[in-house]
Amino acid sequence: MSEPWVSVIIGVYNKAPHVEACVRSVLAQTYGRFEALVVDDASTDGSADRVAALQDPRLRLVRRPQNSGLPAVPRNEAMRLAQGEFLAFLDSDDLWRPEKLARQVAYMQAHPDIQLCHSRCLVIDADGRELHERHAGVRPPEGDCLLPLLEHCWISISTVMVRKMLADRIGPFDE
């Protein structure tokens, strides 16, 4: 069985100080079967130019002509373009550790009945120093966790990996 292909979904709007490091953290993944889809929501600060300068064949930049004002719009556009078996979301001012995709793909392969997984995340400062774990000491609910998650969501979008079949079935983010 060949390794699944992951589509990394990154929407960006005016994150020039952060977006290059964000995309570089994707390009540095130890798991190599991915495409990185960056949809720029008509940034005015050169964010798209910073992404375009990276020139990596795994990277696809889409420039929207007009800002939507909603993070859902560029995410949905990237999801429509995605060709991977899995979707992995990343905010344009966040970073991934190099083994993030490898660990999640391995978990999803070992658990074909699981449709979505996520990880914990660390809060870092502007210099990349680790400050603390987000929601440290809190163990998110497992199993049928819809109601507890409606009360408080412990999941950061930048940690989520979902099977594309489920995302297609559920539909796009609410615009």
C-alpha atoms as a PDB file:
ATOM      1  CA  MET A   1       0.000   0.000   0.000  1.00  0.00           C
ATOM      2  CA  SER A   2       1.436   3.378  -0.947  1.00  0.00           C
ATOM      3  CA  GLU A   3       1.636   6.178   1.568  1.00  0.00           C
ATOM      4  CA  PRO A   4      -1.395   8.473   1.607  1.00  0.00           C
ATOM      5  CA  TRP A   5      -1.077  11.926   0.177  1.00  0.00           C
ATOM      6  CA  VAL A   6      -1.796  14.868   2.490  1.00  0.00           C
ATOM      7  CA  SER A   7      -3.158  18.229   1.365  1.00  0.00           C
ATOM      8  CA  VAL A   8      -1.992  20.979   3.694  1.00  0.00           C
ATOM      9  CA  ILE A   9      -4.529  23.813   3.808  1.00  0.00           C
ATOM     10  CA  ILE A  10      -3.194  27.307   4.591  1.00  0.00           C
ATOM     11  CA  GLY A  11      -5.247  30.466   4.256  1.00  0.00           C
ATOM     12  CA  VAL A  12      -3.371  33.740   4.616  1.00  0.00           C
ATOM     13  CA  TYR A  13      -4.282  37.376   4.950  1.00  0.00           C
ATOM     14  CA  ASN A  14      -1.676  39.994   5.864  1.00  0.00           C
ATOM     15  CA  LYS A  15       0.677  37.682   7.770  1.00  0.00           C
ATOM     16  CA  ALA A  16       3.923  38.668   6.005  1.00  0.00           C
ATOM     17  CA  PRO A  17       5.997  38.556   9.213  1.00  0.00           C
ATOM     18  CA  HIS A  18       4.959  34.924   9.835  1.00  0.00           C
ATOM     19  CA  VAL A  19       3.851  33.169   6.650  1.00  0.00           C
ATOM     20  CA  GLU A  20       7.310  32.267   5.328  1.00  0.00           C
ATOM     21  CA  ALA A  21       8.253  30.469   8.564  1.00  0.00           C
ATOM     22  CA  CYS A  22       4.843  28.796   8.546  1.00  0.00           C
ATOM     23  CA  VAL A  23       5.266  27.400   5.037  1.00  0.00           C
ATOM     24  CA  ARG A  24       8.904  26.459   5.692  1.00  0.00           C
ATOM     25  CA  SER A  25       7.707  24.372   8.664  1.00  0.00           C
ATOM     26  CA  VAL A  26       5.531  22.431   6.211  1.00  0.00           C
ATOM     27  CA  LEU A  27       8.305  22.036   3.643  1.00  0.00           C
ATOM     28  CA  ALA A  28      10.565  20.676   6.427  1.00  0.00           C
ATOM     29  CA  GLN A  29       8.229  17.786   7.272  1.00  0.00           C
ATOM     30  CA  THR A  30       9.811  14.339   7.572  1.00  0.00           C
ATOM     31  CA  TYR A  31       6.750  12.953   5.768  1.00  0.00           C
ATOM     32  CA  GLY A  32       7.161  13.924   2.129  1.00  0.00           C
ATOM     33  CA  ARG A  33       3.931  12.959   0.348  1.00  0.00           C
ATOM     34  CA  PHE A  34       2.065  16.232   0.627  1.00  0.00           C
ATOM     35  CA  GLU A  35       0.916  19.223  -1.324  1.00  0.00           C
ATOM     36  CA  ALA A  36       0.787  22.614   0.382  1.00  0.00           C
ATOM     37  CA  LEU A  37      -2.115  24.748  -0.822  1.00  0.00           C
ATOM     38  CA  VAL A  38      -1.767  28.385   0.218  1.00  0.00           C
ATOM     39  CA  VAL A  39      -4.706  30.632  -0.598  1.00  0.00           C
ATOM     40  CA  ASP A  40      -3.889  34.307  -0.151  1.00  0.00           C
ATOM     41  CA  ASP A  41      -7.040  36.307   0.605  1.00  0.00           C
ATOM     42  CA  ALA A  42      -5.887  39.473  -1.217  1.00  0.00           C
ATOM     43  CA  SER A  43      -3.180  40.413   1.273  1.00  0.00           C
ATOM     44  CA  THR A  44      -1.824  43.947   0.983  1.00  0.00           C
ATOM     45  CA  ASP A  45       1.423  43.383   2.927  1.00  0.00           C
ATOM     46  CA  GLY A  46       3.378  41.145   0.547  1.00  0.00           C
ATOM     47  CA  SER A  47       2.350  37.842   2.162  1.00  0.00           C
ATOM     48  CA  ALA A  48       1.730  36.163  -1.204  1.00  0.00           C
ATOM     49  CA  ASP A  49       5.097  37.339  -2.553  1.00  0.00           C
ATOM     50  CA  ARG A  50       6.869  35.756   0.424  1.00  0.00           C
ATOM     51  CA  VAL A  51       5.150  32.440  -0.296  1.00  0.00           C
ATOM     52  CA  ALA A  52       5.825  32.664  -4.051  1.00  0.00           C
ATOM     53  CA  ALA A  53       9.528  33.246  -3.396  1.00  0.00           C
ATOM     54  CA  LEU A  54       9.829  29.801  -1.783  1.00  0.00           C
ATOM     55  CA  GLN A  55       9.461  28.058  -5.166  1.00  0.00           C
ATOM     56  CA  ASP A  56       8.935  24.465  -4.112  1.00  0.00           C
ATOM     57  CA  PRO A  57       7.111  21.987  -6.408  1.00  0.00           C
ATOM     58  CA  ARG A  58       4.980  20.803  -3.466  1.00  0.00           C
ATOM     59  CA  LEU A  59       3.710  24.346  -2.943  1.00  0.00           C
ATOM     60  CA  ARG A  60       0.745  25.856  -4.772  1.00  0.00           C
ATOM     61  CA  LEU A  61      -0.167  29.511  -4.236  1.00  0.00           C
ATOM     62  CA  VAL A  62      -3.598  30.837  -5.176  1.00  0.00           C
ATOM     63  CA  ARG A  63      -4.170  34.587  -5.013  1.00  0.00           C
ATOM     64  CA  ARG A  64      -7.731  35.753  -4.442  1.00  0.00           C
ATOM     65  CA  PRO A  65      -8.465  39.069  -6.184  1.00  0.00           C
ATOM     66  CA  GLN A  66     -10.633  40.439  -3.372  1.00  0.00           C
ATOM     67  CA  ASN A  67     -10.472  39.969   0.394  1.00  0.00           C
ATOM     68  CA  SER A  68     -13.337  37.956   1.804  1.00  0.00           C
ATOM     69  CA  GLY A  69     -12.877  39.029   5.416  1.00  0.00           C
ATOM     70  CA  LEU A  70     -13.499  35.425   6.496  1.00  0.00           C
ATOM     71  CA  PRO A  71     -10.916  32.704   7.232  1.00  0.00           C
ATOM     72  CA  ALA A  72     -13.422  30.122   5.954  1.00  0.00           C
ATOM     73  CA  VAL A  73     -13.272  31.398   2.363  1.00  0.00           C
ATOM     74  CA  PRO A  74      -9.577  30.682   1.631  1.00  0.00           C
ATOM     75  CA  ARG A  75      -9.794  27.402   3.574  1.00  0.00           C
ATOM     76  CA  ASN A  76     -12.773  26.292   1.489  1.00  0.00           C
ATOM     77  CA  GLU A  77     -11.045  27.281  -1.748  1.00  0.00           C
ATOM     78  CA  ALA A  78      -7.971  25.233  -0.784  1.00  0.00           C
ATOM     79  CA  MET A  79     -10.169  22.292   0.210  1.00  0.00           C
ATOM     80  CA  ARG A  80     -11.828  22.337  -3.235  1.00  0.00           C
ATOM     81  CA  LEU A  81      -8.374  22.118  -4.833  1.00  0.00           C
ATOM     82  CA  ALA A  82      -7.073  19.438  -2.454  1.00  0.00           C
ATOM     83  CA  GLN A  83      -6.138  16.082  -3.937  1.00  0.00           C
ATOM     84  CA  GLY A  84      -4.900  14.304  -0.821  1.00  0.00           C
ATOM     85  CA  GLU A  85      -6.524  11.491   1.107  1.00  0.00           C
ATOM     86  CA  PHE A  86      -6.046  13.600   4.242  1.00  0.00           C
ATOM     87  CA  LEU A  87      -6.458  17.314   4.876  1.00  0.00           C
ATOM     88  CA  ALA A  88      -4.216  19.012   7.424  1.00  0.00           C
ATOM     89  CA  PHE A  89      -4.985  22.604   8.393  1.00  0.00           C
ATOM     90  CA  LEU A  90      -2.439  25.239   9.359  1.00  0.00           C
ATOM     91  CA  ASP A  91      -2.982  28.886  10.247  1.00  0.00           C
ATOM     92  CA  SER A  92      -0.501  31.156   8.486  1.00  0.00           C
ATOM     93  CA  ASP A  93       1.019  32.398  11.745  1.00  0.00           C
ATOM     94  CA  ASP A  94       1.543  28.924  13.220  1.00  0.00           C
ATOM     95  CA  LEU A  95       4.383  26.404  12.877  1.00  0.00           C
ATOM     96  CA  TRP A  96       4.617  22.632  12.808  1.00  0.00           C
ATOM     97  CA  ARG A  97       7.323  20.423  14.235  1.00  0.00           C
ATOM     98  CA  PRO A  98       9.048  18.362  11.508  1.00  0.00           C
ATOM     99  CA  GLU A  99       7.403  15.057  12.486  1.00  0.00           C
ATOM    100  CA  LYS A 100       3.801  16.346  12.727  1.00  0.00           C
ATOM    101  CA  LEU A 101       2.495  14.914   9.452  1.00  0.00           C
ATOM    102  CA  ALA A 102       4.409  11.627   9.797  1.00  0.00           C
ATOM    103  CA  ARG A 103       2.943  10.969  13.233  1.00  0.00           C
ATOM    104  CA  GLN A 104      -0.608  11.818  12.234  1.00  0.00           C
ATOM    105  CA  VAL A 105      -0.495   9.850   8.984  1.00  0.00           C
ATOM    106  CA  ALA A 106       0.858   6.821  10.878  1.00  0.00           C
ATOM    107  CA  TYR A 107      -1.940   7.144  13.436  1.00  0.00           C
ATOM    108  CA  MET A 108      -4.636   7.464  10.761  1.00  0.00           C
ATOM    109  CA  GLN A 109      -3.231   4.471   8.864  1.00  0.00           C
ATOM    110  CA  ALA A 110      -3.186   2.381  12.041  1.00  0.00           C
ATOM    111  CA  HIS A 111      -6.778   3.414  12.849  1.00  0.00           C
ATOM    112  CA  PRO A 112      -8.779   3.346   9.610  1.00  0.00           C
ATOM    113  CA  ASP A 113     -12.004   3.801  11.568  1.00  0.00           C
ATOM    114  CA  ILE A 114     -10.843   7.188  12.915  1.00  0.00           C
ATOM    115  CA  GLN A 115     -11.924  10.059  10.671  1.00  0.00           C
ATOM    116  CA  LEU A 116     -10.208  12.990  12.400  1.00  0.00           C
ATOM    117  CA  CYS A 117      -7.309  13.392  14.764  1.00  0.00           C
ATOM    118  CA  HIS A 118      -5.567  16.305  16.398  1.00  0.00           C
ATOM    119  CA  SER A 119      -2.680  16.957  18.704  1.00  0.00           C
ATOM    120  CA  ARG A 120      -1.826  19.257  21.532  1.00  0.00           C
ATOM    121  CA  CYS A 121      -0.086  22.502  20.699  1.00  0.00           C
ATOM    122  CA  LEU A 122       2.469  24.796  22.226  1.00  0.00           C
ATOM    123  CA  VAL A 123       2.183  28.550  22.517  1.00  0.00           C
ATOM    124  CA  ILE A 124       5.361  30.293  21.375  1.00  0.00           C
ATOM    125  CA  ASP A 125       6.471  33.896  21.441  1.00  0.00           C
ATOM    126  CA  ALA A 126       7.500  36.050  18.469  1.00  0.00           C
ATOM    127  CA  ASP A 127      11.029  34.637  18.661  1.00  0.00           C
ATOM    128  CA  GLY A 128       9.812  31.014  18.560  1.00  0.00           C
ATOM    129  CA  ARG A 129      10.485  30.299  22.239  1.00  0.00           C
ATOM    130  CA  GLU A 130       8.075  27.827  23.792  1.00  0.00           C
ATOM    131  CA  LEU A 131       5.979  29.507  26.470  1.00  0.00           C
ATOM    132  CA  HIS A 132       3.496  26.819  27.540  1.00  0.00           C
ATOM    133  CA  GLU A 133       1.253  24.090  26.268  1.00  0.00           C
ATOM    134  CA  ARG A 134      -2.183  25.318  25.236  1.00  0.00           C
ATOM    135  CA  HIS A 135      -4.741  23.956  27.711  1.00  0.00           C
ATOM    136  CA  ALA A 136      -1.975  22.397  29.820  1.00  0.00           C
ATOM    137  CA  GLY A 137      -3.279  19.776  32.219  1.00  0.00           C
ATOM    138  CA  VAL A 138      -6.673  19.480  30.511  1.00  0.00           C
ATOM    139  CA  ARG A 139      -7.441  16.174  28.879  1.00  0.00           C
ATOM    140  CA  PRO A 140      -9.911  16.698  26.028  1.00  0.00           C
ATOM    141  CA  PRO A 141     -12.878  14.321  25.905  1.00  0.00           C
ATOM    142  CA  GLU A 142     -12.619  11.166  23.818  1.00  0.00           C
ATOM    143  CA  GLY A 143     -15.198   9.175  21.893  1.00  0.00           C
ATOM    144  CA  ASP A 144     -18.532  10.887  21.286  1.00  0.00           C
ATOM    145  CA  CYS A 145     -17.410  14.317  22.401  1.00  0.00           C
ATOM    146  CA  LEU A 146     -19.709  16.675  20.510  1.00  0.00           C
ATOM    147  CA  LEU A 147     -21.478  18.161  23.544  1.00  0.00           C
ATOM    148  CA  PRO A 148     -18.326  18.762  25.627  1.00  0.00           C
ATOM    149  CA  LEU A 149     -16.627  20.336  22.599  1.00  0.00           C
ATOM    150  CA  LEU A 150     -19.571  22.672  22.098  1.00  0.00           C
ATOM    151  CA  GLU A 151     -19.031  23.926  25.636  1.00  0.00           C
ATOM    152  CA  HIS A 152     -15.279  24.441  25.139  1.00  0.00           C
ATOM    153  CA  CYS A 153     -13.149  23.501  22.160  1.00  0.00           C
ATOM    154  CA  TRP A 154      -9.670  22.271  23.065  1.00  0.00           C
ATOM    155  CA  ILE A 155      -8.757  21.674  19.436  1.00  0.00           C
ATOM    156  CA  SER A 156      -6.551  24.108  17.531  1.00  0.00           C
ATOM    157  CA  ILE A 157      -7.241  24.081  13.778  1.00  0.00           C
ATOM    158  CA  SER A 158      -3.497  23.887  13.147  1.00  0.00           C
ATOM    159  CA  THR A 159      -3.360  20.450  14.792  1.00  0.00           C
ATOM    160  CA  VAL A 160      -6.232  18.835  12.853  1.00  0.00           C
ATOM    161  CA  MET A 161      -5.928  16.101  10.245  1.00  0.00           C
ATOM    162  CA  VAL A 162      -9.143  14.789   8.703  1.00  0.00           C
ATOM    163  CA  ARG A 163      -9.924  12.256   6.030  1.00  0.00           C
ATOM    164  CA  LYS A 164     -10.933  14.139   2.881  1.00  0.00           C
ATOM    165  CA  MET A 165     -13.903  11.817   2.407  1.00  0.00           C
ATOM    166  CA  LEU A 166     -15.348  13.039   5.714  1.00  0.00           C
ATOM    167  CA  ALA A 167     -14.656  16.701   4.896  1.00  0.00           C
ATOM    168  CA  ASP A 168     -16.386  16.250   1.525  1.00  0.00           C
ATOM    169  CA  ARG A 169     -19.365  14.599   3.203  1.00  0.00           C
ATOM    170  CA  ILE A 170     -19.718  17.271   5.910  1.00  0.00           C
ATOM    171  CA  GLY A 171     -19.169  20.168   3.536  1.00  0.00           C
ATOM    172  CA  PRO A 172     -17.195  23.386   3.670  1.00  0.00           C
ATOM    173  CA  PHE A 173     -16.513  25.743   6.563  1.00  0.00           C
ATOM    174  CA  ASP A 174     -19.391  28.114   7.270  1.00  0.00           C
ATOM    175  CA  GLU A 175     -18.905  31.320   5.288  1.00  0.00           C
END
